[in-house]
Amino acid sequence: MNITFRFPQELLLAIHADLDRPHKFAAERVGFVSCEASQSTSGDVALIAKHYSPVADDHYLDDPRVGAMMGPAAIRTALQFAYQHPVSMFHIHRHDHRGNPRFSPVDIRENARFIPDFWKVRPNQPHGAIVLSINSMFGMCWVQPGIEPLPINRFETQQSVLSKFRGIA
């Protein structure tokens, strides 16, 4: 099974701009991307990012052990969005370095705790998490309940989008 994730230029730039904003106590910002999803007869999954919802300032918990900790209100807000719209939901954040990012052990643990909650409101949609770096991205997709998440094989966006951000060549 191949999983492809497509970002429109403007949306990816807006996400990076939002993740750049400082927070009163969190060391990093997080948000959710809603997507249209389709699956081919061979099982391949295509996801198209449509909307970005940043986590509200007051929905972060002050936890100095991690870069950002979402509180229950952040999850409820994202679940409500998915309930009201027929979308796949992907948690997104950034690690501020160049090169291929990976999820930290905390990211892996927390993703496994809350991503499956999206099946309670959108049981027929894949859901997941993405971590950006300054010039790359990585993600995992939970295609269906009870099955381990799969890596997103391919991200599609114009390379010029990433090079426009912070003047990266």
C-alpha atoms as a PDB file:
ATOM      1  CA  MET A   1       0.000   0.000   0.000  1.00  0.00           C
ATOM      2  CA  ASN A   2       1.318   3.414  -0.987  1.00  0.00           C
ATOM      3  CA  ILE A   3       0.227   6.551   0.835  1.00  0.00           C
ATOM      4  CA  THR A   4       0.628   9.924  -0.881  1.00  0.00           C
ATOM      5  CA  PHE A   5       0.035  13.242   0.863  1.00  0.00           C
ATOM      6  CA  ARG A   6      -0.437  16.402  -1.240  1.00  0.00           C
ATOM      7  CA  PHE A   7       0.015  19.934   0.124  1.00  0.00           C
ATOM      8  CA  PRO A   8      -1.102  23.013  -1.828  1.00  0.00           C
ATOM      9  CA  GLN A   9       1.689  25.632  -1.840  1.00  0.00           C
ATOM     10  CA  GLU A  10      -0.235  28.324   0.002  1.00  0.00           C
ATOM     11  CA  LEU A  11      -1.374  25.962   2.745  1.00  0.00           C
ATOM     12  CA  LEU A  12       2.106  24.612   3.463  1.00  0.00           C
ATOM     13  CA  LEU A  13       3.513  28.140   3.657  1.00  0.00           C
ATOM     14  CA  ALA A  14       0.682  29.182   5.999  1.00  0.00           C
ATOM     15  CA  ILE A  15       1.375  26.182   8.249  1.00  0.00           C
ATOM     16  CA  HIS A  16       5.081  27.027   8.460  1.00  0.00           C
ATOM     17  CA  ALA A  17       4.227  30.667   9.228  1.00  0.00           C
ATOM     18  CA  ASP A  18       1.865  29.617  12.013  1.00  0.00           C
ATOM     19  CA  LEU A  19       4.339  27.148  13.509  1.00  0.00           C
ATOM     20  CA  ASP A  20       6.887  29.995  13.613  1.00  0.00           C
ATOM     21  CA  ARG A  21       4.774  32.076  16.012  1.00  0.00           C
ATOM     22  CA  PRO A  22       6.055  32.145  19.585  1.00  0.00           C
ATOM     23  CA  HIS A  23       3.867  30.855  22.407  1.00  0.00           C
ATOM     24  CA  LYS A  24       3.793  32.139  25.988  1.00  0.00           C
ATOM     25  CA  PHE A  25       5.231  28.891  27.405  1.00  0.00           C
ATOM     26  CA  ALA A  26       5.238  26.136  24.752  1.00  0.00           C
ATOM     27  CA  ALA A  27       8.522  25.697  22.910  1.00  0.00           C
ATOM     28  CA  GLU A  28       6.734  24.786  19.674  1.00  0.00           C
ATOM     29  CA  ARG A  29       3.352  25.169  17.987  1.00  0.00           C
ATOM     30  CA  VAL A  30       1.059  22.381  16.782  1.00  0.00           C
ATOM     31  CA  GLY A  31      -2.098  22.112  14.716  1.00  0.00           C
ATOM     32  CA  PHE A  32      -4.338  19.892  12.633  1.00  0.00           C
ATOM     33  CA  VAL A  33      -4.658  19.508   8.870  1.00  0.00           C
ATOM     34  CA  SER A  34      -7.938  18.272   7.462  1.00  0.00           C
ATOM     35  CA  CYS A  35      -7.765  16.335   4.208  1.00  0.00           C
ATOM     36  CA  GLU A  36      -9.803  14.763   1.475  1.00  0.00           C
ATOM     37  CA  ALA A  37      -8.936  11.088   1.239  1.00  0.00           C
ATOM     38  CA  SER A  38      -9.395   8.539  -1.489  1.00  0.00           C
ATOM     39  CA  GLN A  39      -8.380   4.915  -1.870  1.00  0.00           C
ATOM     40  CA  SER A  40      -7.734   3.123  -5.126  1.00  0.00           C
ATOM     41  CA  THR A  41      -8.953  -0.381  -5.874  1.00  0.00           C
ATOM     42  CA  SER A  42      -5.378  -1.575  -5.261  1.00  0.00           C
ATOM     43  CA  GLY A  43      -5.486  -0.064  -1.755  1.00  0.00           C
ATOM     44  CA  ASP A  44      -3.271   2.986  -2.341  1.00  0.00           C
ATOM     45  CA  VAL A  45      -4.326   6.053  -0.363  1.00  0.00           C
ATOM     46  CA  ALA A  46      -4.196   9.665  -1.589  1.00  0.00           C
ATOM     47  CA  LEU A  47      -4.639  12.535   0.860  1.00  0.00           C
ATOM     48  CA  ILE A  48      -5.061  16.164  -0.173  1.00  0.00           C
ATOM     49  CA  ALA A  49      -4.570  18.783   2.542  1.00  0.00           C
ATOM     50  CA  LYS A  50      -7.478  21.239   2.523  1.00  0.00           C
ATOM     51  CA  HIS A  51      -7.500  23.207   5.766  1.00  0.00           C
ATOM     52  CA  TYR A  52      -5.178  23.980   8.674  1.00  0.00           C
ATOM     53  CA  SER A  53      -6.442  24.581  12.211  1.00  0.00           C
ATOM     54  CA  PRO A  54      -3.836  25.833  14.681  1.00  0.00           C
ATOM     55  CA  VAL A  55      -4.241  24.773  18.286  1.00  0.00           C
ATOM     56  CA  ALA A  56      -5.507  27.781  20.258  1.00  0.00           C
ATOM     57  CA  ASP A  57      -3.077  29.394  22.691  1.00  0.00           C
ATOM     58  CA  ASP A  58      -5.196  28.454  25.696  1.00  0.00           C
ATOM     59  CA  HIS A  59      -5.448  24.806  24.573  1.00  0.00           C
ATOM     60  CA  TYR A  60      -1.781  24.108  25.383  1.00  0.00           C
ATOM     61  CA  LEU A  61      -0.777  22.640  28.739  1.00  0.00           C
ATOM     62  CA  ASP A  62       2.270  24.049  30.505  1.00  0.00           C
ATOM     63  CA  ASP A  63       4.521  20.976  30.500  1.00  0.00           C
ATOM     64  CA  PRO A  64       8.252  21.818  30.335  1.00  0.00           C
ATOM     65  CA  ARG A  65       9.147  18.144  29.682  1.00  0.00           C
ATOM     66  CA  VAL A  66       7.937  18.460  26.061  1.00  0.00           C
ATOM     67  CA  GLY A  67       8.006  21.064  23.291  1.00  0.00           C
ATOM     68  CA  ALA A  68       4.213  21.330  23.237  1.00  0.00           C
ATOM     69  CA  MET A  69       1.478  19.489  25.088  1.00  0.00           C
ATOM     70  CA  MET A  70      -2.098  19.776  23.885  1.00  0.00           C
ATOM     71  CA  GLY A  71      -4.852  19.791  26.440  1.00  0.00           C
ATOM     72  CA  PRO A  72      -8.211  18.014  26.115  1.00  0.00           C
ATOM     73  CA  ALA A  73      -9.804  21.125  24.571  1.00  0.00           C
ATOM     74  CA  ALA A  74      -7.412  20.943  21.609  1.00  0.00           C
ATOM     75  CA  ILE A  75      -8.391  17.341  20.881  1.00  0.00           C
ATOM     76  CA  ARG A  76     -12.108  18.077  21.361  1.00  0.00           C
ATOM     77  CA  THR A  77     -11.902  20.985  18.916  1.00  0.00           C
ATOM     78  CA  ALA A  78     -10.227  18.825  16.249  1.00  0.00           C
ATOM     79  CA  LEU A  79     -12.699  15.981  16.847  1.00  0.00           C
ATOM     80  CA  GLN A  80     -15.612  18.426  16.521  1.00  0.00           C
ATOM     81  CA  PHE A  81     -14.217  19.677  13.196  1.00  0.00           C
ATOM     82  CA  ALA A  82     -13.967  16.091  11.920  1.00  0.00           C
ATOM     83  CA  TYR A  83     -17.488  15.367  13.170  1.00  0.00           C
ATOM     84  CA  GLN A  84     -18.874  18.350  11.243  1.00  0.00           C
ATOM     85  CA  HIS A  85     -16.925  17.692   8.029  1.00  0.00           C
ATOM     86  CA  PRO A  86     -16.232  14.417   6.166  1.00  0.00           C
ATOM     87  CA  VAL A  87     -12.441  14.673   6.450  1.00  0.00           C
ATOM     88  CA  SER A  88      -9.309  12.843   7.490  1.00  0.00           C
ATOM     89  CA  MET A  89      -7.413  14.593  10.277  1.00  0.00           C
ATOM     90  CA  PHE A  90      -3.645  14.862  10.646  1.00  0.00           C
ATOM     91  CA  HIS A  91      -1.837  16.337  13.633  1.00  0.00           C
ATOM     92  CA  ILE A  92       1.109  18.472  12.490  1.00  0.00           C
ATOM     93  CA  HIS A  93       4.097  20.133  14.119  1.00  0.00           C
ATOM     94  CA  ARG A  94       7.676  21.032  13.227  1.00  0.00           C
ATOM     95  CA  HIS A  95      11.139  20.215  14.487  1.00  0.00           C
ATOM     96  CA  ASP A  96      13.330  23.228  13.712  1.00  0.00           C
ATOM     97  CA  HIS A  97      16.206  21.690  11.816  1.00  0.00           C
ATOM     98  CA  ARG A  98      17.115  20.907   8.228  1.00  0.00           C
ATOM     99  CA  GLY A  99      16.880  17.407   6.797  1.00  0.00           C
ATOM    100  CA  ASN A 100      14.585  14.476   7.358  1.00  0.00           C
ATOM    101  CA  PRO A 101      12.541  14.776  10.545  1.00  0.00           C
ATOM    102  CA  ARG A 102      11.330  11.861  12.648  1.00  0.00           C
ATOM    103  CA  PHE A 103       8.880  11.598  15.496  1.00  0.00           C
ATOM    104  CA  SER A 104      10.365  11.747  18.975  1.00  0.00           C
ATOM    105  CA  PRO A 105       9.488   8.964  21.445  1.00  0.00           C
ATOM    106  CA  VAL A 106       6.974  11.376  23.048  1.00  0.00           C
ATOM    107  CA  ASP A 107       5.430  12.090  19.614  1.00  0.00           C
ATOM    108  CA  ILE A 108       5.063   8.359  18.939  1.00  0.00           C
ATOM    109  CA  ARG A 109       3.466   7.698  22.323  1.00  0.00           C
ATOM    110  CA  GLU A 110       1.056  10.649  22.193  1.00  0.00           C
ATOM    111  CA  ASN A 111       0.070  10.074  18.539  1.00  0.00           C
ATOM    112  CA  ALA A 112      -0.833   6.473  19.372  1.00  0.00           C
ATOM    113  CA  ARG A 113      -3.025   7.720  22.242  1.00  0.00           C
ATOM    114  CA  PHE A 114      -5.136  10.320  20.429  1.00  0.00           C
ATOM    115  CA  ILE A 115      -5.098   9.653  16.654  1.00  0.00           C
ATOM    116  CA  PRO A 116      -7.384   6.579  16.980  1.00  0.00           C
ATOM    117  CA  ASP A 117      -9.989   8.847  18.653  1.00  0.00           C
ATOM    118  CA  PHE A 118     -10.746  10.290  15.219  1.00  0.00           C
ATOM    119  CA  TRP A 119     -12.336   6.973  14.198  1.00  0.00           C
ATOM    120  CA  LYS A 120     -15.047   7.661  16.766  1.00  0.00           C
ATOM    121  CA  VAL A 121     -16.267  10.554  14.594  1.00  0.00           C
ATOM    122  CA  ARG A 122     -14.938   9.556  11.133  1.00  0.00           C
ATOM    123  CA  PRO A 123     -14.601   5.746  11.144  1.00  0.00           C
ATOM    124  CA  ASN A 124     -14.197   5.413   7.370  1.00  0.00           C
ATOM    125  CA  GLN A 125     -11.336   7.895   7.002  1.00  0.00           C
ATOM    126  CA  PRO A 126      -7.590   7.461   7.469  1.00  0.00           C
ATOM    127  CA  HIS A 127      -6.016   9.727  10.106  1.00  0.00           C
ATOM    128  CA  GLY A 128      -2.472  10.440  11.144  1.00  0.00           C
ATOM    129  CA  ALA A 129       0.373  12.733  12.113  1.00  0.00           C
ATOM    130  CA  ILE A 130       3.036  14.696  10.268  1.00  0.00           C
ATOM    131  CA  VAL A 131       6.256  16.258  11.496  1.00  0.00           C
ATOM    132  CA  LEU A 132       7.908  18.932   9.386  1.00  0.00           C
ATOM    133  CA  SER A 133      11.477  20.110   9.382  1.00  0.00           C
ATOM    134  CA  ILE A 134      12.536  23.365   7.803  1.00  0.00           C
ATOM    135  CA  ASN A 135      12.933  21.664   4.423  1.00  0.00           C
ATOM    136  CA  SER A 136      11.369  18.205   4.653  1.00  0.00           C
ATOM    137  CA  MET A 137       8.533  16.186   6.216  1.00  0.00           C
ATOM    138  CA  PHE A 138       7.626  12.753   7.533  1.00  0.00           C
ATOM    139  CA  GLY A 139       4.330  11.231   8.540  1.00  0.00           C
ATOM    140  CA  MET A 140       2.406   8.186   9.635  1.00  0.00           C
ATOM    141  CA  CYS A 141      -1.114   7.197   8.625  1.00  0.00           C
ATOM    142  CA  TRP A 142      -3.548   5.005  10.522  1.00  0.00           C
ATOM    143  CA  VAL A 143      -5.547   3.567   7.616  1.00  0.00           C
ATOM    144  CA  GLN A 144      -8.017   1.607   9.725  1.00  0.00           C
ATOM    145  CA  PRO A 145      -8.607   0.678  13.358  1.00  0.00           C
ATOM    146  CA  GLY A 146      -6.590  -2.187  14.782  1.00  0.00           C
ATOM    147  CA  ILE A 147      -3.819  -1.924  12.181  1.00  0.00           C
ATOM    148  CA  GLU A 148      -0.441  -0.367  12.954  1.00  0.00           C
ATOM    149  CA  PRO A 149       0.168   3.023  11.315  1.00  0.00           C
ATOM    150  CA  LEU A 150       1.992   3.087   7.998  1.00  0.00           C
ATOM    151  CA  PRO A 151       4.571   5.620   6.858  1.00  0.00           C
ATOM    152  CA  ILE A 152       3.451   8.143   4.269  1.00  0.00           C
ATOM    153  CA  ASN A 153       5.476   7.069   1.244  1.00  0.00           C
ATOM    154  CA  ARG A 154       5.349  10.303  -0.682  1.00  0.00           C
ATOM    155  CA  PHE A 155       4.703  13.973  -0.070  1.00  0.00           C
ATOM    156  CA  GLU A 156       3.865  16.033  -3.108  1.00  0.00           C
ATOM    157  CA  THR A 157       4.474  19.740  -3.174  1.00  0.00           C
ATOM    158  CA  GLN A 158       6.571  21.931  -5.385  1.00  0.00           C
ATOM    159  CA  GLN A 159      10.174  22.100  -4.180  1.00  0.00           C
ATOM    160  CA  SER A 160      10.021  25.858  -4.690  1.00  0.00           C
ATOM    161  CA  VAL A 161       7.547  26.070  -1.813  1.00  0.00           C
ATOM    162  CA  LEU A 162      10.119  24.804   0.647  1.00  0.00           C
ATOM    163  CA  SER A 163      12.867  26.968  -0.844  1.00  0.00           C
ATOM    164  CA  LYS A 164      10.720  30.120  -0.436  1.00  0.00           C
ATOM    165  CA  PHE A 165      10.377  29.464   3.270  1.00  0.00           C
ATOM    166  CA  ARG A 166      13.152  31.252   5.160  1.00  0.00           C
ATOM    167  CA  GLY A 167      15.120  31.686   1.931  1.00  0.00           C
ATOM    168  CA  ILE A 168      16.210  28.039   1.795  1.00  0.00           C
ATOM    169  CA  ALA A 169      17.975  27.103  -1.429  1.00  0.00           C
END
